[in-house]
C-alpha atoms as a PDB file:
ATOM      1  CA  MET A   1      -0.113  38.966 -13.844  1.00  0.00           C
ATOM      2  CA  THR A   2       0.038  36.948 -10.613  1.00  0.00           C
ATOM      3  CA  GLU A   3       0.169  33.173 -10.430  1.00  0.00           C
ATOM      4  CA  PRO A   4      -2.654  31.413  -8.577  1.00  0.00           C
ATOM      5  CA  SER A   5      -1.640  30.175  -5.138  1.00  0.00           C
ATOM      6  CA  SER A   6      -1.238  26.418  -4.827  1.00  0.00           C
ATOM      7  CA  GLU A   7      -0.451  24.021  -2.020  1.00  0.00           C
ATOM      8  CA  ARG A   8       2.373  21.547  -2.535  1.00  0.00           C
ATOM      9  CA  ARG A   9       2.644  18.305  -0.592  1.00  0.00           C
ATOM     10  CA  LEU A  10       5.298  15.640  -0.541  1.00  0.00           C
ATOM     11  CA  ALA A  11       4.073  12.042  -0.790  1.00  0.00           C
ATOM     12  CA  ALA A  12       5.792   8.681  -0.676  1.00  0.00           C
ATOM     13  CA  VAL A  13       4.650   5.753  -2.775  1.00  0.00           C
ATOM     14  CA  VAL A  14       5.449   2.243  -1.603  1.00  0.00           C
ATOM     15  CA  SER A  15       5.213  -0.836  -3.747  1.00  0.00           C
ATOM     16  CA  ALA A  16       5.725  -4.394  -2.576  1.00  0.00           C
ATOM     17  CA  ASP A  17       6.131  -7.616  -4.507  1.00  0.00           C
ATOM     18  CA  VAL A  18       4.639 -10.419  -2.411  1.00  0.00           C
ATOM     19  CA  ALA A  19       5.800 -13.904  -3.365  1.00  0.00           C
ATOM     20  CA  GLY A  20       2.833 -16.189  -4.044  1.00  0.00           C
ATOM     21  CA  TYR A  21       0.292 -13.391  -3.612  1.00  0.00           C
ATOM     22  CA  ALA A  22      -2.245 -14.779  -6.114  1.00  0.00           C
ATOM     23  CA  ARG A  23      -2.014 -18.269  -4.581  1.00  0.00           C
ATOM     24  CA  LEU A  24      -2.382 -16.903  -1.038  1.00  0.00           C
ATOM     25  CA  MET A  25      -5.362 -14.735  -2.017  1.00  0.00           C
ATOM     26  CA  GLY A  26      -6.990 -17.706  -3.736  1.00  0.00           C
ATOM     27  CA  ARG A  27      -6.732 -19.797  -0.581  1.00  0.00           C
ATOM     28  CA  ASP A  28      -7.699 -17.220   2.043  1.00  0.00           C
ATOM     29  CA  GLU A  29      -8.365 -13.672   0.881  1.00  0.00           C
ATOM     30  CA  GLU A  30      -9.280 -12.205   4.268  1.00  0.00           C
ATOM     31  CA  GLY A  31      -6.418 -13.945   6.080  1.00  0.00           C
ATOM     32  CA  THR A  32      -3.894 -12.817   3.471  1.00  0.00           C
ATOM     33  CA  LEU A  33      -5.033  -9.189   3.662  1.00  0.00           C
ATOM     34  CA  GLU A  34      -4.914  -9.236   7.461  1.00  0.00           C
ATOM     35  CA  ALA A  35      -1.400 -10.735   7.409  1.00  0.00           C
ATOM     36  CA  LEU A  36      -0.200  -8.006   5.018  1.00  0.00           C
ATOM     37  CA  ARG A  37      -1.790  -5.294   7.170  1.00  0.00           C
ATOM     38  CA  SER A  38      -0.159  -6.756  10.272  1.00  0.00           C
ATOM     39  CA  HIS A  39       3.289  -6.731   8.624  1.00  0.00           C
ATOM     40  CA  ARG A  40       2.733  -3.140   7.509  1.00  0.00           C
ATOM     41  CA  ARG A  41       1.781  -2.058  11.040  1.00  0.00           C
ATOM     42  CA  GLU A  42       4.952  -3.674  12.409  1.00  0.00           C
ATOM     43  CA  LEU A  43       7.100  -1.708   9.974  1.00  0.00           C
END
Protein backbone atom coordinates (compact mmCIF):
# COMPACT_ATOMS: atom_id res chain seq x y z
CA MET A 1 0.00 0.00 0.00
CA THR A 2 1.43 3.41 -0.93
CA GLU A 3 1.26 6.49 1.25
CA PRO A 4 -0.54 9.54 -0.16
CA SER A 5 1.83 12.26 -1.33
CA SER A 6 1.95 15.34 0.87
CA GLU A 7 3.71 18.68 0.73
CA ARG A 8 5.70 19.77 3.76
CA ARG A 9 6.52 23.40 4.49
CA LEU A 10 8.61 24.99 7.18
CA ALA A 11 7.06 27.97 8.97
CA ALA A 12 8.29 30.36 11.63
CA VAL A 13 6.01 31.74 14.32
CA VAL A 14 6.91 35.03 15.95
CA SER A 15 5.39 36.32 19.15
CA ALA A 16 6.03 39.71 20.69
CA ASP A 17 5.17 41.09 24.10
CA VAL A 18 4.55 44.83 23.71
CA ALA A 19 4.78 46.82 26.93
CA GLY A 20 1.62 48.87 27.49
CA TYR A 21 -0.13 47.42 24.44
CA ALA A 22 -3.66 47.64 25.88
CA ARG A 23 -3.10 51.24 27.02
CA LEU A 24 -1.64 52.24 23.64
CA MET A 25 -4.50 50.58 21.74
CA GLY A 26 -7.03 52.31 23.98
CA ARG A 27 -5.54 55.71 23.20
CA ASP A 28 -4.91 55.35 19.46
CA GLU A 29 -5.68 52.01 17.85
CA GLU A 30 -4.77 52.95 14.29
CA GLY A 31 -1.58 54.77 15.31
CA THR A 32 -0.46 51.86 17.49
CA LEU A 33 -1.01 49.32 14.71
CA GLU A 34 0.86 51.48 12.21
CA ALA A 35 3.77 51.91 14.64
CA LEU A 36 3.99 48.13 15.15
CA ARG A 37 3.87 47.52 11.39
CA SER A 38 6.60 50.11 10.85
CA HIS A 39 8.86 48.43 13.43
CA ARG A 40 8.22 45.05 11.81
CA ARG A 41 9.13 46.40 8.36
CA GLU A 42 12.39 47.80 9.75
CA LEU A 43 13.35 44.40 11.15
